[in-house]
Amino acid sequence: MLLLQIPAFSGNYQEEPSSKKIIGTWYADLNRNTKWVFSQDGKVYNYDKDIFKVMYRYTISNSCQNYSDATTEYLTLMDKDGDQYCFRINGINKNKNGVLSLTKMDDMKPLVFVNNLNVVVSPFNQ
């Protein structure tokens, strides 16, 4: 009888896609004066101390340059000259932690952003 009272969950739960989760303002964790603002129209605007620096077009997919993996998402930034910059997405606001975790693929350096200036980043919430 008790089992009948537990609500059934369907397998239809879909996590919000990365292309939606990334929309908004992200501040570089190590330098909160640097921010990237992702728009819904596929553009990201880079600011330093609220001064506009550069705009890139961005895409999120399972491949970027020479990297391809069906289970990995990559963020590709393209500048006005057509140069591409490739980042592996490690996590976008996992468990609502306010953290965007990337790895820059050309040098494998981690990049961490927060969606709120009050977010404190620890190794456990990246």
Protein backbone atom coordinates (compact mmCIF):
# COMPACT_ATOMS: atom_id res chain seq x y z
CA MET A 1 0.00 0.00 0.00
CA LEU A 2 2.79 2.43 0.87
CA LEU A 3 4.33 2.03 -2.56
CA LEU A 4 1.17 3.26 -4.19
CA GLN A 5 1.42 6.55 -2.32
CA ILE A 6 4.87 7.43 -3.68
CA PRO A 7 4.50 9.65 -6.73
CA ALA A 8 5.84 8.18 -9.92
CA PHE A 9 8.43 10.16 -11.84
CA SER A 10 8.48 9.81 -15.56
CA GLY A 11 11.72 9.56 -17.46
CA ASN A 12 10.80 12.68 -19.40
CA TYR A 13 12.70 15.12 -17.17
CA GLN A 14 14.97 17.16 -19.40
CA GLU A 15 17.70 19.29 -17.92
CA GLU A 16 17.76 22.77 -19.37
CA PRO A 17 20.18 22.82 -22.33
CA SER A 18 23.55 24.51 -21.91
CA SER A 19 22.61 27.00 -24.60
CA LYS A 20 19.93 28.32 -22.22
CA LYS A 21 21.87 27.94 -18.95
CA ILE A 22 24.77 30.05 -20.21
CA ILE A 23 22.61 33.10 -21.04
CA GLY A 24 23.36 36.02 -18.73
CA THR A 25 26.31 37.75 -17.09
CA TRP A 26 29.33 35.79 -15.84
CA TYR A 27 32.19 37.34 -13.87
CA ALA A 28 35.71 35.90 -14.00
CA ASP A 29 36.36 34.37 -10.59
CA LEU A 30 39.97 35.55 -10.37
CA ASN A 31 39.20 39.06 -11.64
CA ARG A 32 35.61 40.10 -10.97
CA ASN A 33 36.13 43.24 -13.12
CA THR A 34 36.10 40.98 -16.19
CA LYS A 35 32.69 39.83 -17.32
CA TRP A 36 31.26 37.92 -20.24
CA VAL A 37 27.63 38.61 -21.15
CA PHE A 38 26.02 35.82 -23.19
CA SER A 39 22.96 36.81 -25.20
CA GLN A 40 20.24 34.61 -26.69
CA ASP A 41 21.25 35.60 -30.24
CA GLY A 42 24.60 33.76 -30.09
CA LYS A 43 26.81 36.69 -29.12
CA VAL A 44 29.01 37.13 -26.07
CA TYR A 45 30.24 40.56 -25.01
CA ASN A 46 33.48 40.92 -23.05
CA TYR A 47 33.87 43.80 -20.59
CA ASP A 48 36.65 44.94 -18.29
CA LYS A 49 35.64 47.36 -15.52
CA ASP A 50 32.32 47.84 -17.37
CA ILE A 51 34.15 49.00 -20.51
CA PHE A 52 33.23 47.01 -23.62
CA LYS A 53 36.29 45.23 -25.08
CA VAL A 54 35.20 42.73 -27.73
CA MET A 55 32.23 40.75 -29.05
CA TYR A 56 32.38 37.12 -30.17
CA ARG A 57 29.85 34.85 -31.79
CA TYR A 58 29.46 31.66 -29.80
CA THR A 59 28.15 28.16 -30.31
CA ILE A 60 27.80 25.20 -28.00
CA SER A 61 28.18 21.74 -29.55
CA ASN A 62 29.93 18.38 -29.17
CA SER A 63 32.87 19.49 -31.29
CA CYS A 64 35.28 22.38 -31.53
CA GLN A 65 38.25 22.59 -33.88
CA ASN A 66 39.97 19.18 -33.64
CA TYR A 67 38.06 18.13 -30.53
CA SER A 68 34.95 15.99 -30.76
CA ASP A 69 33.15 13.88 -28.17
CA ALA A 70 29.50 12.84 -28.07
CA THR A 71 29.38 13.23 -24.27
CA THR A 72 31.32 16.52 -23.98
CA GLU A 73 30.09 20.01 -24.76
CA TYR A 74 32.36 22.68 -26.16
CA LEU A 75 31.97 26.43 -26.28
CA THR A 76 33.37 27.94 -29.47
CA LEU A 77 34.01 31.68 -29.64
CA MET A 78 34.61 33.29 -33.03
CA ASP A 79 35.93 36.83 -33.43
CA LYS A 80 35.23 39.22 -36.30
CA ASP A 81 38.28 37.90 -38.18
CA GLY A 82 37.03 34.31 -38.04
CA ASP A 83 39.55 33.18 -35.41
CA GLN A 84 38.10 30.47 -33.17
CA TYR A 85 38.69 29.85 -29.48
CA CYS A 86 37.72 26.51 -28.04
CA PHE A 87 36.63 25.73 -24.46
CA ARG A 88 35.42 22.47 -22.91
CA ILE A 89 32.36 23.06 -20.73
CA ASN A 90 32.89 21.40 -17.36
CA GLY A 91 29.69 22.73 -15.83
CA ILE A 92 27.17 25.53 -16.03
CA ASN A 93 25.47 26.40 -12.75
CA LYS A 94 25.46 22.76 -11.56
CA ASN A 95 23.05 22.34 -8.68
CA LYS A 96 22.44 26.10 -8.90
CA ASN A 97 25.98 26.81 -7.60
CA GLY A 98 26.39 29.96 -9.75
CA VAL A 99 29.58 28.68 -11.40
CA LEU A 100 30.53 28.40 -15.07
CA SER A 101 33.56 26.10 -15.32
CA LEU A 102 35.50 25.90 -18.60
CA THR A 103 38.82 24.55 -19.81
CA LYS A 104 40.62 26.53 -22.51
CA MET A 105 41.61 23.79 -24.94
CA ASP A 106 44.77 25.30 -26.45
CA ASP A 107 46.58 25.39 -23.09
CA MET A 108 44.24 23.30 -20.89
CA LYS A 109 43.92 26.15 -18.36
CA PRO A 110 40.79 26.19 -16.24
CA LEU A 111 38.55 29.25 -16.40
CA VAL A 112 35.95 29.81 -13.73
CA PHE A 113 33.16 32.38 -13.84
CA VAL A 114 30.39 33.20 -11.38
CA ASN A 115 26.93 34.58 -12.12
CA ASN A 116 26.80 36.68 -8.96
CA LEU A 117 29.56 38.76 -7.36
CA ASN A 118 28.73 37.19 -3.98
CA VAL A 119 29.42 33.62 -5.12
CA VAL A 120 32.40 32.04 -3.39
CA VAL A 121 34.07 29.38 -5.51
CA SER A 122 35.48 26.27 -3.92
CA PRO A 123 36.95 23.22 -5.66
CA PHE A 124 33.78 21.35 -4.72
CA ASN A 125 31.34 23.55 -6.66
CA GLN A 126 33.16 23.76 -9.99
